[in-house]
């Protein structure tokens, strides 16, 4: 087993038990792709279930994983294509960025933090970040509409969202 695979297995074995996330058993033939489901315990997106894919590089932990959100979400730090912006996954040498001491547990808590404390200062969806920063009540209403499966105009496009809550 290579170093990256051993580290991934160690990280998976050390994941805490938390009610707000679920990781299905990994494919032993491909530890470099992990599926993650997050159910935010609080915040604008509470009660919804979000599916992510965590692509782990072959040189892990020297390079950070890449996340993709498979569930369409209106969020400042997740664009409509599913790209995710989390400061701990940036390999930028800053204290909040990636280092070899970080683990998949840090990635999970980073995702959870996106849903409890979205970062309007480092957005991928600029429209969502602007609305949250300037009109938080309107942002909350729009998020609720998306969670109920409505079609809304986002970045000048009509988008149909999957119903995630009643």
N, C-alpha and C. Protein backbone atom coordinates (compact mmCIF):
# COMPACT_ATOMS: atom_id res chain seq x y z
N UNK A 1 0.85 -1.18 0.00
CA UNK A 1 0.00 0.00 0.00
C UNK A 1 0.90 1.24 0.00
N UNK A 2 0.57 2.20 -0.83
CA UNK A 2 1.37 3.42 -0.94
C UNK A 2 1.05 4.37 0.21
N UNK A 3 1.95 5.34 0.40
CA UNK A 3 1.81 6.27 1.51
C UNK A 3 0.46 6.99 1.50
N UNK A 4 0.05 7.50 0.34
CA UNK A 4 -1.22 8.23 0.27
C UNK A 4 -2.38 7.33 0.66
N UNK A 5 -2.39 6.09 0.18
CA UNK A 5 -3.48 5.17 0.52
C UNK A 5 -3.49 4.86 2.02
N UNK A 6 -2.31 4.69 2.60
CA UNK A 6 -2.24 4.43 4.04
C UNK A 6 -2.76 5.63 4.83
N UNK A 7 -2.41 6.83 4.39
CA UNK A 7 -2.87 8.03 5.09
C UNK A 7 -4.38 8.19 4.95
N UNK A 8 -4.92 7.94 3.76
CA UNK A 8 -6.37 8.02 3.56
C UNK A 8 -7.07 7.03 4.48
N UNK A 9 -6.58 5.79 4.53
CA UNK A 9 -7.19 4.77 5.38
C UNK A 9 -7.13 5.19 6.85
N UNK A 10 -6.01 5.75 7.28
CA UNK A 10 -5.89 6.24 8.65
C UNK A 10 -6.90 7.35 8.91
N UNK A 11 -6.99 8.31 7.98
CA UNK A 11 -7.96 9.40 8.13
C UNK A 11 -9.38 8.86 8.23
N UNK A 12 -9.73 7.90 7.37
CA UNK A 12 -11.08 7.33 7.40
C UNK A 12 -11.34 6.62 8.72
N UNK A 13 -10.36 5.91 9.22
CA UNK A 13 -10.51 5.20 10.50
C UNK A 13 -10.65 6.15 11.68
N UNK A 14 -10.12 7.36 11.55
CA UNK A 14 -10.14 8.33 12.64
C UNK A 14 -11.27 9.35 12.55
N UNK A 15 -12.17 9.19 11.59
CA UNK A 15 -13.27 10.14 11.47
C UNK A 15 -14.16 10.07 12.71
N UNK A 16 -14.55 11.21 13.25
CA UNK A 16 -15.44 11.19 14.40
C UNK A 16 -16.85 10.79 13.99
N UNK A 17 -17.62 10.30 14.93
CA UNK A 17 -19.03 9.99 14.67
C UNK A 17 -19.81 11.28 14.91
N UNK A 18 -20.43 11.78 13.87
CA UNK A 18 -21.22 13.00 13.96
C UNK A 18 -22.55 12.76 13.27
N UNK A 19 -23.65 13.28 13.83
CA UNK A 19 -24.95 13.05 13.20
C UNK A 19 -25.17 13.83 11.91
N UNK A 20 -24.33 14.82 11.62
CA UNK A 20 -24.55 15.70 10.47
C UNK A 20 -23.78 15.28 9.23
N UNK A 21 -23.05 14.19 9.27
CA UNK A 21 -22.41 13.72 8.04
C UNK A 21 -22.42 12.20 7.97
N UNK A 22 -22.30 11.73 6.74
CA UNK A 22 -22.26 10.30 6.49
C UNK A 22 -21.29 10.05 5.34
N UNK A 23 -20.44 9.07 5.54
CA UNK A 23 -19.53 8.64 4.47
C UNK A 23 -19.79 7.16 4.25
N UNK A 24 -20.34 6.81 3.08
CA UNK A 24 -20.56 5.39 2.79
C UNK A 24 -19.23 4.64 2.83
N UNK A 25 -19.27 3.33 3.05
CA UNK A 25 -18.02 2.57 3.04
C UNK A 25 -17.25 2.83 1.75
N UNK A 26 -15.94 3.08 1.87
CA UNK A 26 -15.16 3.40 0.68
C UNK A 26 -14.97 2.19 -0.23
N UNK A 27 -14.77 2.47 -1.49
CA UNK A 27 -14.42 1.43 -2.45
C UNK A 27 -12.96 1.07 -2.20
N UNK A 28 -12.67 -0.15 -1.75
CA UNK A 28 -11.28 -0.50 -1.44
C UNK A 28 -10.36 -0.43 -2.66
N UNK A 29 -10.95 -0.46 -3.86
CA UNK A 29 -10.15 -0.36 -5.08
C UNK A 29 -9.89 1.08 -5.50
N UNK A 30 -10.56 2.03 -4.83
CA UNK A 30 -10.35 3.44 -5.17
C UNK A 30 -10.58 4.31 -3.93
N UNK A 31 -9.58 4.36 -3.07
CA UNK A 31 -9.67 5.20 -1.88
C UNK A 31 -9.57 6.69 -2.22
N UNK A 32 -9.18 7.00 -3.45
CA UNK A 32 -8.93 8.39 -3.83
C UNK A 32 -10.22 9.15 -4.17
N UNK A 33 -11.35 8.47 -4.14
CA UNK A 33 -12.64 9.12 -4.35
C UNK A 33 -13.56 8.73 -3.21
N UNK A 34 -13.94 9.71 -2.42
CA UNK A 34 -14.83 9.46 -1.29
C UNK A 34 -16.12 10.24 -1.49
N UNK A 35 -17.21 9.60 -1.17
CA UNK A 35 -18.51 10.27 -1.19
C UNK A 35 -18.82 10.73 0.23
N UNK A 36 -19.39 11.91 0.32
CA UNK A 36 -19.72 12.50 1.61
C UNK A 36 -21.13 13.06 1.52
N UNK A 37 -21.93 12.83 2.55
CA UNK A 37 -23.24 13.46 2.64
C UNK A 37 -23.27 14.30 3.91
N UNK A 38 -23.71 15.53 3.75
CA UNK A 38 -23.77 16.48 4.86
C UNK A 38 -25.22 16.90 5.06
N UNK A 39 -25.67 16.90 6.31
CA UNK A 39 -26.98 17.43 6.68
C UNK A 39 -26.71 18.55 7.68
N UNK A 40 -26.74 19.81 7.21
CA UNK A 40 -26.40 20.91 8.12
C UNK A 40 -27.31 20.92 9.35
N UNK A 41 -26.72 20.99 10.54
CA UNK A 41 -27.52 20.97 11.77
C UNK A 41 -28.16 22.31 12.10
N UNK A 42 -27.72 23.36 11.43
CA UNK A 42 -28.25 24.70 11.69
C UNK A 42 -27.94 25.58 10.49
N UNK A 43 -28.48 26.79 10.51
CA UNK A 43 -28.19 27.75 9.45
C UNK A 43 -29.26 27.75 8.36
N UNK A 44 -28.98 28.46 7.29
CA UNK A 44 -29.94 28.64 6.20
C UNK A 44 -30.34 27.33 5.54
N UNK A 45 -29.46 26.35 5.52
CA UNK A 45 -29.66 25.11 4.77
C UNK A 45 -30.05 23.94 5.67
N UNK A 46 -30.46 24.21 6.91
CA UNK A 46 -30.78 23.16 7.88
C UNK A 46 -31.84 22.21 7.31
N UNK A 47 -31.64 20.93 7.54
CA UNK A 47 -32.61 19.92 7.15
C UNK A 47 -32.41 19.34 5.77
N UNK A 48 -31.60 19.96 4.95
CA UNK A 48 -31.35 19.44 3.60
C UNK A 48 -30.16 18.49 3.64
N UNK A 49 -30.07 17.62 2.64
CA UNK A 49 -28.96 16.67 2.54
C UNK A 49 -28.18 17.00 1.27
N UNK A 50 -26.88 17.22 1.43
CA UNK A 50 -26.01 17.58 0.31
C UNK A 50 -24.98 16.50 0.07
N UNK A 51 -24.84 16.13 -1.20
CA UNK A 51 -23.88 15.10 -1.58
C UNK A 51 -22.64 15.75 -2.18
N UNK A 52 -21.49 15.31 -1.71
CA UNK A 52 -20.20 15.80 -2.18
C UNK A 52 -19.36 14.62 -2.63
N UNK A 53 -18.48 14.89 -3.58
CA UNK A 53 -17.41 13.95 -3.94
C UNK A 53 -16.10 14.59 -3.52
N UNK A 54 -15.29 13.82 -2.85
CA UNK A 54 -13.98 14.28 -2.40
C UNK A 54 -12.93 13.53 -3.22
N UNK A 55 -12.27 14.26 -4.10
CA UNK A 55 -11.22 13.69 -4.96
C UNK A 55 -9.88 13.91 -4.25
N UNK A 56 -9.26 12.82 -3.87
CA UNK A 56 -8.02 12.90 -3.11
C UNK A 56 -6.85 12.65 -4.06
N UNK A 57 -5.88 13.56 -4.08
CA UNK A 57 -4.77 13.41 -5.03
C UNK A 57 -3.82 12.27 -4.63
N UNK A 58 -3.09 11.79 -5.61
CA UNK A 58 -2.15 10.68 -5.39
C UNK A 58 -1.01 11.08 -4.44
N UNK A 59 -0.75 12.39 -4.33
CA UNK A 59 0.32 12.82 -3.41
C UNK A 59 -0.23 13.33 -2.07
N UNK A 60 -1.46 12.93 -1.73
CA UNK A 60 -2.05 13.26 -0.44
C UNK A 60 -1.14 12.71 0.67
N UNK A 61 -0.90 13.43 1.73
CA UNK A 61 -1.48 14.69 2.18
C UNK A 61 -0.69 15.94 1.76
N UNK A 62 0.25 15.78 0.86
CA UNK A 62 1.05 16.94 0.44
C UNK A 62 0.23 17.92 -0.39
N UNK A 63 -0.79 17.43 -1.06
CA UNK A 63 -1.73 18.28 -1.80
C UNK A 63 -3.12 18.05 -1.24
N UNK A 64 -3.95 19.10 -1.23
CA UNK A 64 -5.28 18.97 -0.64
C UNK A 64 -6.26 18.24 -1.56
N UNK A 65 -7.29 17.67 -0.96
CA UNK A 65 -8.37 17.09 -1.77
C UNK A 65 -9.11 18.20 -2.53
N UNK A 66 -9.86 17.80 -3.53
CA UNK A 66 -10.75 18.71 -4.27
C UNK A 66 -12.17 18.23 -3.99
N UNK A 67 -13.05 19.18 -3.73
CA UNK A 67 -14.44 18.85 -3.45
C UNK A 67 -15.33 19.25 -4.61
N UNK A 68 -16.37 18.47 -4.81
CA UNK A 68 -17.41 18.81 -5.77
C UNK A 68 -18.75 18.54 -5.10
N UNK A 69 -19.64 19.51 -5.15
CA UNK A 69 -20.98 19.34 -4.59
C UNK A 69 -21.89 18.85 -5.71
N UNK A 70 -22.45 17.65 -5.53
CA UNK A 70 -23.32 17.06 -6.54
C UNK A 70 -24.76 17.52 -6.42
N UNK A 71 -25.09 18.22 -5.34
CA UNK A 71 -26.43 18.73 -5.12
C UNK A 71 -26.43 20.22 -5.45
N UNK A 72 -27.31 20.64 -6.35
CA UNK A 72 -27.40 22.06 -6.70
C UNK A 72 -27.80 22.85 -5.45
N UNK A 73 -27.02 23.87 -5.13
CA UNK A 73 -27.25 24.66 -3.92
C UNK A 73 -26.97 26.13 -4.22
N UNK A 74 -27.80 26.99 -3.64
CA UNK A 74 -27.57 28.43 -3.74
C UNK A 74 -26.73 28.82 -2.52
N UNK A 75 -25.45 29.07 -2.76
CA UNK A 75 -24.51 29.27 -1.65
C UNK A 75 -23.36 30.16 -2.12
N UNK A 76 -22.90 31.08 -1.28
CA UNK A 76 -21.79 31.95 -1.68
C UNK A 76 -20.50 31.21 -2.03
N UNK A 77 -20.24 30.08 -1.38
CA UNK A 77 -18.96 29.39 -1.55
C UNK A 77 -19.04 28.14 -2.41
N UNK A 78 -20.20 27.91 -3.03
CA UNK A 78 -20.38 26.78 -3.94
C UNK A 78 -21.04 27.34 -5.19
N UNK A 79 -20.39 27.21 -6.33
CA UNK A 79 -21.00 27.75 -7.54
C UNK A 79 -22.04 26.77 -8.10
N UNK A 80 -22.75 27.21 -9.11
CA UNK A 80 -23.85 26.40 -9.65
C UNK A 80 -23.37 25.18 -10.41
N UNK A 81 -22.07 25.09 -10.65
CA UNK A 81 -21.49 23.89 -11.27
C UNK A 81 -21.02 22.88 -10.23
N UNK A 82 -21.07 23.26 -8.95
CA UNK A 82 -20.69 22.35 -7.88
C UNK A 82 -19.27 22.53 -7.36
N UNK A 83 -18.55 23.52 -7.90
CA UNK A 83 -17.21 23.80 -7.38
C UNK A 83 -17.33 24.39 -5.98
N UNK A 84 -16.40 24.03 -5.10
CA UNK A 84 -16.47 24.40 -3.69
C UNK A 84 -15.23 25.20 -3.31
N UNK A 85 -15.43 26.29 -2.57
CA UNK A 85 -14.32 27.11 -2.09
C UNK A 85 -14.28 27.04 -0.56
N UNK A 86 -13.25 26.37 -0.05
CA UNK A 86 -13.01 26.30 1.39
C UNK A 86 -11.55 26.68 1.62
N UNK A 87 -11.32 27.60 2.54
CA UNK A 87 -9.96 28.10 2.75
C UNK A 87 -8.97 27.00 3.12
N UNK A 88 -9.40 25.97 3.87
CA UNK A 88 -8.43 24.94 4.27
C UNK A 88 -7.95 24.09 3.10
N UNK A 89 -8.66 24.15 1.97
CA UNK A 89 -8.24 23.35 0.81
C UNK A 89 -7.36 24.13 -0.15
N UNK A 90 -7.01 25.34 0.23
CA UNK A 90 -6.12 26.15 -0.62
C UNK A 90 -4.68 25.87 -0.21
N UNK A 91 -3.88 25.54 -1.16
CA UNK A 91 -2.47 25.24 -0.92
C UNK A 91 -1.68 26.53 -1.10
N UNK A 92 -1.92 27.50 -0.18
CA UNK A 92 -1.37 28.84 -0.36
C UNK A 92 -0.35 29.23 0.70
N UNK A 93 0.01 28.32 1.59
CA UNK A 93 1.00 28.62 2.61
C UNK A 93 0.48 29.44 3.77
N UNK A 94 -0.79 29.83 3.75
CA UNK A 94 -1.37 30.60 4.85
C UNK A 94 -1.78 29.65 5.97
N UNK A 95 -1.85 30.17 7.21
CA UNK A 95 -2.19 29.29 8.34
C UNK A 95 -3.54 28.59 8.19
N UNK A 96 -4.50 29.26 7.56
CA UNK A 96 -5.82 28.63 7.39
C UNK A 96 -5.87 27.68 6.19
N UNK A 97 -4.81 27.66 5.41
CA UNK A 97 -4.77 26.83 4.20
C UNK A 97 -4.35 25.39 4.49
N UNK A 98 -4.13 24.64 3.42
CA UNK A 98 -3.78 23.23 3.53
C UNK A 98 -2.37 23.03 4.05
N UNK A 99 -2.20 22.02 4.87
CA UNK A 99 -0.88 21.56 5.29
C UNK A 99 -0.96 20.05 5.47
N UNK A 100 0.17 19.39 5.54
CA UNK A 100 0.16 17.92 5.65
C UNK A 100 -0.40 17.46 7.00
N UNK A 101 -0.53 18.37 7.96
CA UNK A 101 -1.13 18.00 9.24
C UNK A 101 -2.65 17.91 9.16
N UNK A 102 -3.23 18.47 8.12
CA UNK A 102 -4.69 18.42 7.98
C UNK A 102 -5.12 17.02 7.57
N UNK A 103 -6.40 16.74 7.80
CA UNK A 103 -6.92 15.40 7.52
C UNK A 103 -8.31 15.50 6.91
N UNK A 104 -8.89 14.35 6.59
CA UNK A 104 -10.26 14.33 6.07
C UNK A 104 -11.25 14.83 7.12
N UNK A 105 -10.93 14.69 8.39
CA UNK A 105 -11.78 15.26 9.43
C UNK A 105 -11.84 16.78 9.27
N UNK A 106 -10.70 17.41 9.00
CA UNK A 106 -10.69 18.86 8.77
C UNK A 106 -11.54 19.24 7.56
N UNK A 107 -11.50 18.41 6.54
CA UNK A 107 -12.31 18.67 5.34
C UNK A 107 -13.79 18.62 5.70
N UNK A 108 -14.20 17.61 6.47
CA UNK A 108 -15.61 17.50 6.88
C UNK A 108 -16.04 18.71 7.70
N UNK A 109 -15.22 19.11 8.65
CA UNK A 109 -15.58 20.26 9.46
C UNK A 109 -15.55 21.55 8.63
N UNK A 110 -14.70 21.60 7.62
CA UNK A 110 -14.69 22.73 6.69
C UNK A 110 -15.99 22.83 5.91
N UNK A 111 -16.49 21.68 5.44
CA UNK A 111 -17.77 21.67 4.73
C UNK A 111 -18.88 22.11 5.67
N UNK A 112 -18.89 21.57 6.88
CA UNK A 112 -19.92 21.94 7.85
C UNK A 112 -19.89 23.44 8.12
N UNK A 113 -18.69 24.00 8.23
CA UNK A 113 -18.57 25.44 8.49
C UNK A 113 -19.14 26.26 7.34
N UNK A 114 -19.03 25.76 6.12
CA UNK A 114 -19.63 26.48 4.98
C UNK A 114 -21.13 26.66 5.18
N UNK A 115 -21.77 25.66 5.75
CA UNK A 115 -23.22 25.73 5.91
C UNK A 115 -23.64 26.48 7.17
N UNK A 116 -22.77 26.57 8.16
CA UNK A 116 -23.13 27.31 9.37
C UNK A 116 -22.59 28.74 9.33
N UNK A 117 -21.48 28.94 8.63
CA UNK A 117 -20.86 30.27 8.54
C UNK A 117 -20.34 30.51 7.13
N UNK A 118 -21.23 30.74 6.15
CA UNK A 118 -20.75 30.99 4.79
C UNK A 118 -19.83 32.21 4.75
N UNK A 119 -18.82 32.14 3.90
CA UNK A 119 -17.80 33.18 3.82
C UNK A 119 -18.05 34.07 2.61
N UNK A 120 -18.64 35.24 2.85
CA UNK A 120 -18.94 36.16 1.75
C UNK A 120 -17.68 36.87 1.23
N UNK A 121 -16.58 36.75 1.95
CA UNK A 121 -15.33 37.41 1.53
C UNK A 121 -14.50 36.56 0.57
N UNK A 122 -14.90 35.30 0.35
CA UNK A 122 -14.15 34.41 -0.55
C UNK A 122 -15.15 33.59 -1.37
N UNK A 123 -16.00 34.27 -2.16
CA UNK A 123 -17.09 33.56 -2.83
C UNK A 123 -16.71 32.94 -4.17
N UNK A 124 -17.51 31.97 -4.56
CA UNK A 124 -17.53 31.46 -5.93
C UNK A 124 -18.80 31.94 -6.62
N UNK A 125 -19.89 32.04 -5.85
CA UNK A 125 -21.15 32.57 -6.36
C UNK A 125 -21.26 34.00 -5.83
N UNK A 126 -20.82 34.94 -6.65
CA UNK A 126 -20.75 36.34 -6.23
C UNK A 126 -22.13 36.92 -5.96
N UNK A 127 -23.13 36.50 -6.74
CA UNK A 127 -24.49 37.00 -6.53
C UNK A 127 -24.99 36.59 -5.14
N UNK A 128 -24.79 35.34 -4.78
CA UNK A 128 -25.23 34.85 -3.47
C UNK A 128 -24.49 35.57 -2.35
N UNK A 129 -23.19 35.76 -2.52
CA UNK A 129 -22.40 36.45 -1.49
C UNK A 129 -22.87 37.89 -1.32
N UNK A 130 -23.14 38.56 -2.42
CA UNK A 130 -23.60 39.95 -2.37
C UNK A 130 -24.96 40.05 -1.68
N UNK A 131 -25.87 39.14 -2.03
CA UNK A 131 -27.20 39.16 -1.42
C UNK A 131 -27.11 38.87 0.07
N UNK A 132 -26.31 37.88 0.47
CA UNK A 132 -26.16 37.56 1.89
C UNK A 132 -25.55 38.74 2.65
N UNK A 133 -24.55 39.38 2.08
CA UNK A 133 -23.88 40.49 2.76
C UNK A 133 -24.79 41.71 2.90
N UNK A 134 -25.60 41.98 1.87
CA UNK A 134 -26.38 43.22 1.85
C UNK A 134 -27.83 43.05 2.29
N UNK A 135 -28.40 41.88 2.03
CA UNK A 135 -29.81 41.65 2.35
C UNK A 135 -30.00 40.24 2.89
N UNK A 136 -29.53 39.98 4.12
CA UNK A 136 -29.58 38.61 4.63
C UNK A 136 -30.98 38.01 4.70
N UNK A 137 -32.00 38.82 4.95
CA UNK A 137 -33.36 38.28 5.00
C UNK A 137 -33.83 37.83 3.61
N UNK A 138 -33.48 38.60 2.57
CA UNK A 138 -33.82 38.20 1.20
C UNK A 138 -33.05 36.94 0.81
N UNK A 139 -31.79 36.86 1.23
CA UNK A 139 -30.99 35.67 0.98
C UNK A 139 -31.67 34.45 1.61
N UNK A 140 -32.08 34.59 2.86
CA UNK A 140 -32.74 33.49 3.57
C UNK A 140 -33.99 33.03 2.83
N UNK A 141 -34.80 33.99 2.36
CA UNK A 141 -36.02 33.64 1.62
C UNK A 141 -35.69 32.90 0.33
N UNK A 142 -34.67 33.36 -0.38
CA UNK A 142 -34.30 32.72 -1.64
C UNK A 142 -33.78 31.30 -1.39
N UNK A 143 -32.97 31.13 -0.36
CA UNK A 143 -32.48 29.79 -0.02
C UNK A 143 -33.66 28.87 0.30
N UNK A 144 -34.62 29.35 1.08
CA UNK A 144 -35.79 28.52 1.44
C UNK A 144 -36.55 28.11 0.17
N UNK A 145 -36.68 29.04 -0.77
CA UNK A 145 -37.36 28.71 -2.03
C UNK A 145 -36.61 27.61 -2.78
N UNK A 146 -35.28 27.72 -2.81
CA UNK A 146 -34.50 26.69 -3.51
C UNK A 146 -34.64 25.34 -2.81
N UNK A 147 -34.66 25.35 -1.49
CA UNK A 147 -34.79 24.09 -0.73
C UNK A 147 -36.15 23.43 -0.95
N UNK A 148 -37.15 24.24 -1.29
CA UNK A 148 -38.49 23.69 -1.55
C UNK A 148 -38.66 23.24 -2.99
N UNK A 149 -37.58 23.34 -3.78
CA UNK A 149 -37.61 22.83 -5.14
C UNK A 149 -38.15 23.79 -6.18
N UNK A 150 -38.16 25.06 -5.87
CA UNK A 150 -38.68 26.04 -6.81
C UNK A 150 -37.66 26.36 -7.91
N UNK A 151 -38.17 26.94 -8.98
CA UNK A 151 -37.31 27.48 -10.02
C UNK A 151 -37.07 28.94 -9.68
N UNK A 152 -35.81 29.33 -9.60
CA UNK A 152 -35.48 30.71 -9.28
C UNK A 152 -34.46 31.23 -10.30
N UNK A 153 -34.39 32.54 -10.41
CA UNK A 153 -33.41 33.15 -11.30
C UNK A 153 -32.14 33.40 -10.50
N UNK A 154 -31.06 32.79 -10.97
CA UNK A 154 -29.77 32.90 -10.31
C UNK A 154 -28.75 33.27 -11.38
N UNK A 155 -28.02 34.34 -11.13
CA UNK A 155 -27.02 34.81 -12.11
C UNK A 155 -27.63 34.94 -13.51
N UNK A 156 -28.84 35.50 -13.56
CA UNK A 156 -29.58 35.77 -14.79
C UNK A 156 -30.02 34.52 -15.54
N UNK A 157 -30.05 33.38 -14.85
CA UNK A 157 -30.53 32.12 -15.44
C UNK A 157 -31.62 31.55 -14.56
N UNK A 158 -32.65 30.99 -15.18
CA UNK A 158 -33.66 30.26 -14.41
C UNK A 158 -33.09 28.88 -14.09
N UNK A 159 -33.12 28.54 -12.82
CA UNK A 159 -32.59 27.24 -12.38
C UNK A 159 -33.66 26.53 -11.55
N UNK A 160 -33.87 25.27 -11.87
CA UNK A 160 -34.80 24.44 -11.10
C UNK A 160 -33.98 23.70 -10.05
N UNK A 161 -34.34 23.88 -8.81
CA UNK A 161 -33.64 23.23 -7.71
C UNK A 161 -34.41 21.98 -7.28
N UNK A 162 -33.66 21.01 -6.80
CA UNK A 162 -34.25 19.78 -6.28
C UNK A 162 -34.90 20.08 -4.93
N UNK A 163 -36.06 19.47 -4.69
CA UNK A 163 -36.73 19.65 -3.41
C UNK A 163 -35.96 18.89 -2.34
N UNK A 164 -35.48 19.61 -1.34
CA UNK A 164 -34.66 19.01 -0.28
C UNK A 164 -35.32 19.06 1.09
N UNK A 165 -36.34 19.90 1.24
CA UNK A 165 -37.09 19.99 2.50
C UNK A 165 -38.57 20.19 2.17
N UNK A 166 -39.41 19.95 3.16
CA UNK A 166 -40.86 20.17 2.97
C UNK A 166 -41.22 21.60 3.25
